Amino acid sequence: MIYSSAIPTDPQLLEALRAAAARPLSRAERRAQRISFIYSCLDASSGVSKGQIAQALDAAQGLCTAPALGVPDARIPRATNGLAG
């Protein structure tokens, strides 16, 4: 596929994208991206929610003491979509 730069783009949008790309992510933004990435790697039938992923991350980082997913080791089920080995 050939991409063309002839597609008109709103200059204000381009400037907002440049500014966003130049700004470092906050801790909360990085955490939200991490949760979203993990969630997207899970098989749809896993039944794991973003909230459970957040709890598992907190547990793995020592931020809480309760088992994150109701299992002693707070492991998130591996994806079966070929992305996880």
PDB file of N, CA and C in Angstrom:
ATOM      1  N   MET A   1       0.846  -1.175   0.000  1.00  0.00           N
ATOM      2  CA  MET A   1       0.000   0.000   0.000  1.00  0.00           C
ATOM      3  C   MET A   1       0.893   1.241   0.000  1.00  0.00           C
ATOM      4  N   ILE A   2       0.539   2.207  -0.793  1.00  0.00           N
ATOM      5  CA  ILE A   2       1.292   3.449  -0.884  1.00  0.00           C
ATOM      6  C   ILE A   2       0.551   4.521  -0.094  1.00  0.00           C
ATOM      7  N   TYR A   3       1.295   5.208   0.770  1.00  0.00           N
ATOM      8  CA  TYR A   3       0.699   6.274   1.573  1.00  0.00           C
ATOM      9  C   TYR A   3       1.051   7.607   0.937  1.00  0.00           C
ATOM     10  N   SER A   4       0.102   8.509   0.972  1.00  0.00           N
ATOM     11  CA  SER A   4       0.313   9.824   0.387  1.00  0.00           C
ATOM     12  C   SER A   4       0.213  10.886   1.462  1.00  0.00           C
ATOM     13  N   SER A   5       1.062  11.874   1.379  1.00  0.00           N
ATOM     14  CA  SER A   5       0.994  12.987   2.322  1.00  0.00           C
ATOM     15  C   SER A   5       0.019  14.048   1.830  1.00  0.00           C
ATOM     16  N   ALA A   6      -0.691  13.758   0.747  1.00  0.00           N
ATOM     17  CA  ALA A   6      -1.624  14.725   0.186  1.00  0.00           C
ATOM     18  C   ALA A   6      -2.961  14.752   0.921  1.00  0.00           C
ATOM     19  N   ILE A   7      -3.129  13.891   1.905  1.00  0.00           N
ATOM     20  CA  ILE A   7      -4.378  13.868   2.665  1.00  0.00           C
ATOM     21  C   ILE A   7      -4.397  15.076   3.588  1.00  0.00           C
ATOM     22  N   PRO A   8      -5.419  15.904   3.482  1.00  0.00           N
ATOM     23  CA  PRO A   8      -5.459  17.097   4.337  1.00  0.00           C
ATOM     24  C   PRO A   8      -5.692  16.717   5.802  1.00  0.00           C
ATOM     25  N   THR A   9      -4.897  17.313   6.678  1.00  0.00           N
ATOM     26  CA  THR A   9      -5.015  17.068   8.114  1.00  0.00           C
ATOM     27  C   THR A   9      -5.112  18.403   8.822  1.00  0.00           C
ATOM     28  N   ASP A  10      -5.990  18.463   9.785  1.00  0.00           N
ATOM     29  CA  ASP A  10      -6.192  19.679  10.566  1.00  0.00           C
ATOM     30  C   ASP A  10      -4.887  20.074  11.263  1.00  0.00           C
ATOM     31  N   PRO A  11      -4.365  21.259  11.007  1.00  0.00           N
ATOM     32  CA  PRO A  11      -3.107  21.685  11.634  1.00  0.00           C
ATOM     33  C   PRO A  11      -3.177  21.708  13.164  1.00  0.00           C
ATOM     34  N   GLN A  12      -4.332  22.034  13.716  1.00  0.00           N
ATOM     35  CA  GLN A  12      -4.473  22.040  15.178  1.00  0.00           C
ATOM     36  C   GLN A  12      -4.361  20.620  15.737  1.00  0.00           C
ATOM     37  N   LEU A  13      -4.909  19.660  15.018  1.00  0.00           N
ATOM     38  CA  LEU A  13      -4.799  18.270  15.434  1.00  0.00           C
ATOM     39  C   LEU A  13      -3.341  17.825  15.401  1.00  0.00           C
ATOM     40  N   LEU A  14      -2.643  18.163  14.325  1.00  0.00           N
ATOM     41  CA  LEU A  14      -1.232  17.804  14.223  1.00  0.00           C
ATOM     42  C   LEU A  14      -0.417  18.415  15.354  1.00  0.00           C
ATOM     43  N   GLU A  15      -0.684  19.652  15.681  1.00  0.00           N
ATOM     44  CA  GLU A  15       0.043  20.316  16.767  1.00  0.00           C
ATOM     45  C   GLU A  15      -0.259  19.657  18.112  1.00  0.00           C
ATOM     46  N   ALA A  16      -1.521  19.298  18.334  1.00  0.00           N
ATOM     47  CA  ALA A  16      -1.892  18.625  19.583  1.00  0.00           C
ATOM     48  C   ALA A  16      -1.194  17.268  19.675  1.00  0.00           C
ATOM     49  N   LEU A  17      -1.105  16.541  18.562  1.00  0.00           N
ATOM     50  CA  LEU A  17      -0.419  15.251  18.558  1.00  0.00           C
ATOM     51  C   LEU A  17       1.075  15.410  18.831  1.00  0.00           C
ATOM     52  N   ARG A  18       1.694  16.427  18.229  1.00  0.00           N
ATOM     53  CA  ARG A  18       3.119  16.683  18.471  1.00  0.00           C
ATOM     54  C   ARG A  18       3.365  17.015  19.943  1.00  0.00           C
ATOM     55  N   ALA A  19       2.508  17.855  20.509  1.00  0.00           N
ATOM     56  CA  ALA A  19       2.659  18.242  21.919  1.00  0.00           C
ATOM     57  C   ALA A  19       2.483  17.038  22.835  1.00  0.00           C
ATOM     58  N   ALA A  20       1.508  16.195  22.536  1.00  0.00           N
ATOM     59  CA  ALA A  20       1.265  15.012  23.358  1.00  0.00           C
ATOM     60  C   ALA A  20       2.442  14.040  23.270  1.00  0.00           C
ATOM     61  N   ALA A  21       3.013  13.906  22.091  1.00  0.00           N
ATOM     62  CA  ALA A  21       4.139  12.986  21.907  1.00  0.00           C
ATOM     63  C   ALA A  21       5.391  13.484  22.629  1.00  0.00           C
ATOM     64  N   ALA A  22       5.518  14.783  22.789  1.00  0.00           N
ATOM     65  CA  ALA A  22       6.697  15.361  23.432  1.00  0.00           C
ATOM     66  C   ALA A  22       6.598  15.332  24.960  1.00  0.00           C
ATOM     67  N   ARG A  23       5.408  15.161  25.488  1.00  0.00           N
ATOM     68  CA  ARG A  23       5.187  15.192  26.936  1.00  0.00           C
ATOM     69  C   ARG A  23       5.356  13.789  27.504  1.00  0.00           C
ATOM     70  N   PRO A  24       6.128  13.658  28.581  1.00  0.00           N
ATOM     71  CA  PRO A  24       6.257  12.329  29.191  1.00  0.00           C
ATOM     72  C   PRO A  24       4.939  11.891  29.826  1.00  0.00           C
ATOM     73  N   LEU A  25       4.698  10.584  29.826  1.00  0.00           N
ATOM     74  CA  LEU A  25       3.480  10.052  30.426  1.00  0.00           C
ATOM     75  C   LEU A  25       3.577  10.121  31.944  1.00  0.00           C
ATOM     76  N   SER A  26       2.461  10.391  32.579  1.00  0.00           N
ATOM     77  CA  SER A  26       2.414  10.356  34.034  1.00  0.00           C
ATOM     78  C   SER A  26       2.391   8.905  34.499  1.00  0.00           C
ATOM     79  N   ARG A  27       2.617   8.686  35.769  1.00  0.00           N
ATOM     80  CA  ARG A  27       2.558   7.340  36.328  1.00  0.00           C
ATOM     81  C   ARG A  27       1.179   6.718  36.105  1.00  0.00           C
ATOM     82  N   ALA A  28       0.123   7.512  36.291  1.00  0.00           N
ATOM     83  CA  ALA A  28      -1.248   7.016  36.100  1.00  0.00           C
ATOM     84  C   ALA A  28      -1.507   6.650  34.637  1.00  0.00           C
ATOM     85  N   GLU A  29      -0.984   7.446  33.712  1.00  0.00           N
ATOM     86  CA  GLU A  29      -1.159   7.145  32.286  1.00  0.00           C
ATOM     87  C   GLU A  29      -0.421   5.866  31.895  1.00  0.00           C
ATOM     88  N   ARG A  30       0.795   5.689  32.422  1.00  0.00           N
ATOM     89  CA  ARG A  30       1.546   4.457  32.134  1.00  0.00           C
ATOM     90  C   ARG A  30       0.817   3.241  32.692  1.00  0.00           C
ATOM     91  N   ARG A  31       0.267   3.372  33.890  1.00  0.00           N
ATOM     92  CA  ARG A  31      -0.469   2.262  34.502  1.00  0.00           C
ATOM     93  C   ARG A  31      -1.700   1.911  33.665  1.00  0.00           C
ATOM     94  N   ALA A  32      -2.431   2.944  33.220  1.00  0.00           N
ATOM     95  CA  ALA A  32      -3.624   2.713  32.400  1.00  0.00           C
ATOM     96  C   ALA A  32      -3.248   2.028  31.085  1.00  0.00           C
ATOM     97  N   GLN A  33      -2.139   2.433  30.476  1.00  0.00           N
ATOM     98  CA  GLN A  33      -1.699   1.788  29.237  1.00  0.00           C
ATOM     99  C   GLN A  33      -1.292   0.343  29.483  1.00  0.00           C
ATOM    100  N   ARG A  34      -0.623   0.093  30.594  1.00  0.00           N
ATOM    101  CA  ARG A  34      -0.206  -1.273  30.928  1.00  0.00           C
ATOM    102  C   ARG A  34      -1.428  -2.174  31.100  1.00  0.00           C
ATOM    103  N   ILE A  35      -2.429  -1.683  31.822  1.00  0.00           N
ATOM    104  CA  ILE A  35      -3.660  -2.452  32.034  1.00  0.00           C
ATOM    105  C   ILE A  35      -4.346  -2.728  30.704  1.00  0.00           C
ATOM    106  N   SER A  36      -4.457  -1.708  29.871  1.00  0.00           N
ATOM    107  CA  SER A  36      -5.107  -1.865  28.573  1.00  0.00           C
ATOM    108  C   SER A  36      -4.356  -2.862  27.690  1.00  0.00           C
ATOM    109  N   PHE A  37      -3.025  -2.819  27.715  1.00  0.00           N
ATOM    110  CA  PHE A  37      -2.230  -3.744  26.907  1.00  0.00           C
ATOM    111  C   PHE A  37      -2.453  -5.186  27.360  1.00  0.00           C
ATOM    112  N   ILE A  38      -2.377  -5.411  28.660  1.00  0.00           N
ATOM    113  CA  ILE A  38      -2.576  -6.771  29.181  1.00  0.00           C
ATOM    114  C   ILE A  38      -3.965  -7.264  28.818  1.00  0.00           C
ATOM    115  N   TYR A  39      -4.967  -6.411  28.996  1.00  0.00           N
ATOM    116  CA  TYR A  39      -6.352  -6.786  28.691  1.00  0.00           C
ATOM    117  C   TYR A  39      -6.490  -7.174  27.220  1.00  0.00           C
ATOM    118  N   SER A  40      -5.840  -6.427  26.335  1.00  0.00           N
ATOM    119  CA  SER A  40      -5.952  -6.703  24.904  1.00  0.00           C
ATOM    120  C   SER A  40      -5.266  -8.005  24.509  1.00  0.00           C
ATOM    121  N   CYS A  41      -4.327  -8.486  25.321  1.00  0.00           N
ATOM    122  CA  CYS A  41      -3.624  -9.739  25.022  1.00  0.00           C
ATOM    123  C   CYS A  41      -4.378 -10.973  25.501  1.00  0.00           C
ATOM    124  N   LEU A  42      -5.376 -10.773  26.354  1.00  0.00           N
ATOM    125  CA  LEU A  42      -6.121 -11.913  26.887  1.00  0.00           C
ATOM    126  C   LEU A  42      -7.144 -12.415  25.889  1.00  0.00           C
ATOM    127  N   ASP A  43      -7.390 -13.699  25.932  1.00  0.00           N
ATOM    128  CA  ASP A  43      -8.427 -14.302  25.130  1.00  0.00           C
ATOM    129  C   ASP A  43      -9.781 -13.759  25.604  1.00  0.00           C
ATOM    130  N   ALA A  44     -10.700 -13.516  24.691  1.00  0.00           N
ATOM    131  CA  ALA A  44     -12.003 -12.956  25.040  1.00  0.00           C
ATOM    132  C   ALA A  44     -12.763 -13.814  26.039  1.00  0.00           C
ATOM    133  N   SER A  45     -12.516 -15.108  26.020  1.00  0.00           N
ATOM    134  CA  SER A  45     -13.228 -16.010  26.920  1.00  0.00           C
ATOM    135  C   SER A  45     -12.558 -16.133  28.295  1.00  0.00           C
ATOM    136  N   SER A  46     -11.507 -15.359  28.556  1.00  0.00           N
ATOM    137  CA  SER A  46     -10.784 -15.478  29.825  1.00  0.00           C
ATOM    138  C   SER A  46     -11.643 -15.053  31.019  1.00  0.00           C
ATOM    139  N   GLY A  47     -12.553 -14.133  30.792  1.00  0.00           N
ATOM    140  CA  GLY A  47     -13.393 -13.652  31.888  1.00  0.00           C
ATOM    141  C   GLY A  47     -12.689 -12.698  32.829  1.00  0.00           C
ATOM    142  N   VAL A  48     -11.477 -12.284  32.503  1.00  0.00           N
ATOM    143  CA  VAL A  48     -10.716 -11.372  33.349  1.00  0.00           C
ATOM    144  C   VAL A  48     -11.083  -9.938  32.986  1.00  0.00           C
ATOM    145  N   SER A  49     -11.356  -9.125  34.003  1.00  0.00           N
ATOM    146  CA  SER A  49     -11.724  -7.723  33.776  1.00  0.00           C
ATOM    147  C   SER A  49     -10.499  -6.823  33.936  1.00  0.00           C
ATOM    148  N   LYS A  50     -10.627  -5.594  33.478  1.00  0.00           N
ATOM    149  CA  LYS A  50      -9.546  -4.618  33.669  1.00  0.00           C
ATOM    150  C   LYS A  50      -9.316  -4.362  35.152  1.00  0.00           C
ATOM    151  N   GLY A  51     -10.387  -4.398  35.939  1.00  0.00           N
ATOM    152  CA  GLY A  51     -10.253  -4.215  37.377  1.00  0.00           C
ATOM    153  C   GLY A  51      -9.428  -5.323  38.012  1.00  0.00           C
ATOM    154  N   GLN A  52      -9.630  -6.549  37.557  1.00  0.00           N
ATOM    155  CA  GLN A  52      -8.852  -7.675  38.071  1.00  0.00           C
ATOM    156  C   GLN A  52      -7.388  -7.553  37.666  1.00  0.00           C
ATOM    157  N   ILE A  53      -7.155  -7.075  36.457  1.00  0.00           N
ATOM    158  CA  ILE A  53      -5.777  -6.863  35.996  1.00  0.00           C
ATOM    159  C   ILE A  53      -5.115  -5.805  36.868  1.00  0.00           C
ATOM    160  N   ALA A  54      -5.829  -4.730  37.152  1.00  0.00           N
ATOM    161  CA  ALA A  54      -5.287  -3.666  38.003  1.00  0.00           C
ATOM    162  C   ALA A  54      -4.940  -4.218  39.383  1.00  0.00           C
ATOM    163  N   GLN A  55      -5.815  -5.051  39.931  1.00  0.00           N
ATOM    164  CA  GLN A  55      -5.542  -5.655  41.235  1.00  0.00           C
ATOM    165  C   GLN A  55      -4.320  -6.567  41.174  1.00  0.00           C
ATOM    166  N   ALA A  56      -4.202  -7.339  40.093  1.00  0.00           N
ATOM    167  CA  ALA A  56      -3.056  -8.241  39.953  1.00  0.00           C
ATOM    168  C   ALA A  56      -1.759  -7.452  39.822  1.00  0.00           C
ATOM    169  N   LEU A  57      -1.783  -6.351  39.088  1.00  0.00           N
ATOM    170  CA  LEU A  57      -0.591  -5.515  38.976  1.00  0.00           C
ATOM    171  C   LEU A  57      -0.220  -4.937  40.331  1.00  0.00           C
ATOM    172  N   ASP A  58      -1.212  -4.466  41.057  1.00  0.00           N
ATOM    173  CA  ASP A  58      -0.959  -3.919  42.389  1.00  0.00           C
ATOM    174  C   ASP A  58      -0.340  -4.981  43.294  1.00  0.00           C
ATOM    175  N   ALA A  59      -0.887  -6.186  43.245  1.00  0.00           N
ATOM    176  CA  ALA A  59      -0.370  -7.272  44.072  1.00  0.00           C
ATOM    177  C   ALA A  59       1.068  -7.614  43.674  1.00  0.00           C
ATOM    178  N   ALA A  60       1.332  -7.644  42.374  1.00  0.00           N
ATOM    179  CA  ALA A  60       2.669  -7.976  41.888  1.00  0.00           C
ATOM    180  C   ALA A  60       3.688  -6.907  42.284  1.00  0.00           C
ATOM    181  N   GLN A  61       3.232  -5.683  42.446  1.00  0.00           N
ATOM    182  CA  GLN A  61       4.112  -4.579  42.810  1.00  0.00           C
ATOM    183  C   GLN A  61       4.098  -4.313  44.309  1.00  0.00           C
ATOM    184  N   GLY A  62       3.422  -5.214  45.058  1.00  0.00           N
ATOM    185  CA  GLY A  62       3.397  -5.076  46.503  1.00  0.00           C
ATOM    186  C   GLY A  62       2.514  -3.957  47.007  1.00  0.00           C
ATOM    187  N   LEU A  63       1.521  -3.559  46.203  1.00  0.00           N
ATOM    188  CA  LEU A  63       0.659  -2.450  46.590  1.00  0.00           C
ATOM    189  C   LEU A  63      -0.574  -2.892  47.355  1.00  0.00           C
ATOM    190  N   CYS A  64      -0.833  -4.178  47.428  1.00  0.00           N
ATOM    191  CA  CYS A  64      -1.948  -4.677  48.221  1.00  0.00           C
ATOM    192  C   CYS A  64      -1.597  -6.066  48.723  1.00  0.00           C
ATOM    193  N   THR A  65      -2.315  -6.528  49.724  1.00  0.00           N
ATOM    194  CA  THR A  65      -1.999  -7.824  50.293  1.00  0.00           C
ATOM    195  C   THR A  65      -3.025  -8.884  49.953  1.00  0.00           C
ATOM    196  N   ALA A  66      -4.216  -8.487  49.514  1.00  0.00           N
ATOM    197  CA  ALA A  66      -5.270  -9.451  49.186  1.00  0.00           C
ATOM    198  C   ALA A  66      -4.983 -10.093  47.838  1.00  0.00           C
ATOM    199  N   PRO A  67      -5.273 -11.387  47.669  1.00  0.00           N
ATOM    200  CA  PRO A  67      -5.116 -12.014  46.352  1.00  0.00           C
ATOM    201  C   PRO A  67      -5.967 -11.289  45.312  1.00  0.00           C
ATOM    202  N   ALA A  68      -5.360 -10.961  44.214  1.00  0.00           N
ATOM    203  CA  ALA A  68      -6.014 -10.119  43.217  1.00  0.00           C
ATOM    204  C   ALA A  68      -7.139 -10.809  42.474  1.00  0.00           C
ATOM    205  N   LEU A  69      -7.000 -12.068  42.166  1.00  0.00           N
ATOM    206  CA  LEU A  69      -8.001 -12.747  41.351  1.00  0.00           C
ATOM    207  C   LEU A  69      -8.698 -13.874  42.107  1.00  0.00           C
ATOM    208  N   GLY A  70      -8.579 -13.868  43.413  1.00  0.00           N
ATOM    209  CA  GLY A  70      -9.212 -14.907  44.194  1.00  0.00           C
ATOM    210  C   GLY A  70      -8.420 -16.202  44.216  1.00  0.00           C
ATOM    211  N   VAL A  71      -7.183 -16.155  43.758  1.00  0.00           N
ATOM    212  CA  VAL A  71      -6.300 -17.310  43.812  1.00  0.00           C
ATOM    213  C   VAL A  71      -5.040 -16.900  44.564  1.00  0.00           C
ATOM    214  N   PRO A  72      -4.419 -17.810  45.295  1.00  0.00           N
ATOM    215  CA  PRO A  72      -3.296 -17.434  46.150  1.00  0.00           C
ATOM    216  C   PRO A  72      -2.143 -16.738  45.443  1.00  0.00           C
ATOM    217  N   ASP A  73      -1.819 -17.124  44.199  1.00  0.00           N
ATOM    218  CA  ASP A  73      -0.657 -16.527  43.556  1.00  0.00           C
ATOM    219  C   ASP A  73      -1.005 -15.377  42.610  1.00  0.00           C
ATOM    220  N   ALA A  74      -2.276 -15.010  42.498  1.00  0.00           N
ATOM    221  CA  ALA A  74      -2.734 -13.858  41.719  1.00  0.00           C
ATOM    222  C   ALA A  74      -2.231 -13.856  40.282  1.00  0.00           C
ATOM    223  N   ARG A  75      -2.149 -15.013  39.663  1.00  0.00           N
ATOM    224  CA  ARG A  75      -1.720 -15.076  38.264  1.00  0.00           C
ATOM    225  C   ARG A  75      -2.886 -14.809  37.336  1.00  0.00           C
ATOM    226  N   ILE A  76      -2.601 -14.093  36.264  1.00  0.00           N
ATOM    227  CA  ILE A  76      -3.604 -13.845  35.228  1.00  0.00           C
ATOM    228  C   ILE A  76      -3.498 -14.989  34.226  1.00  0.00           C
ATOM    229  N   PRO A  77      -4.635 -15.582  33.810  1.00  0.00           N
ATOM    230  CA  PRO A  77      -4.579 -16.683  32.834  1.00  0.00           C
ATOM    231  C   PRO A  77      -3.846 -16.258  31.569  1.00  0.00           C
ATOM    232  N   ARG A  78      -3.042 -17.148  31.036  1.00  0.00           N
ATOM    233  CA  ARG A  78      -2.320 -16.849  29.791  1.00  0.00           C
ATOM    234  C   ARG A  78      -3.274 -16.778  28.623  1.00  0.00           C
ATOM    235  N   ALA A  79      -2.947 -15.925  27.676  1.00  0.00           N
ATOM    236  CA  ALA A  79      -3.761 -15.801  26.471  1.00  0.00           C
ATOM    237  C   ALA A  79      -3.618 -17.066  25.635  1.00  0.00           C
ATOM    238  N   THR A  80      -4.653 -17.404  24.914  1.00  0.00           N
ATOM    239  CA  THR A  80      -4.599 -18.566  24.014  1.00  0.00           C
ATOM    240  C   THR A  80      -4.698 -18.106  22.567  1.00  0.00           C
ATOM    241  N   ASN A  81      -4.408 -16.812  22.349  1.00  0.00           N
ATOM    242  CA  ASN A  81      -4.527 -16.280  20.998  1.00  0.00           C
ATOM    243  C   ASN A  81      -3.197 -16.290  20.245  1.00  0.00           C
ATOM    244  N   GLY A  82      -2.203 -17.016  20.772  1.00  0.00           N
ATOM    245  CA  GLY A  82      -0.923 -17.113  20.086  1.00  0.00           C
ATOM    246  C   GLY A  82       0.043 -16.002  20.417  1.00  0.00           C
ATOM    247  N   LEU A  83      -0.372 -15.012  21.213  1.00  0.00           N
ATOM    248  CA  LEU A  83       0.508 -13.912  21.543  1.00  0.00           C
ATOM    249  C   LEU A  83       1.416 -14.246  22.715  1.00  0.00           C
ATOM    250  N   ALA A  84       0.959 -15.125  23.581  1.00  0.00           N
ATOM    251  CA  ALA A  84       1.765 -15.484  24.745  1.00  0.00           C
ATOM    252  C   ALA A  84       2.348 -16.873  24.514  1.00  0.00           C
ATOM    253  N   GLY A  85       3.588 -17.041  24.909  1.00  0.00           N
ATOM    254  CA  GLY A  85       4.252 -18.313  24.671  1.00  0.00           C
ATOM    255  C   GLY A  85       4.102 -19.278  25.789  1.00  0.00           C
TER     256      GLY A  85
END
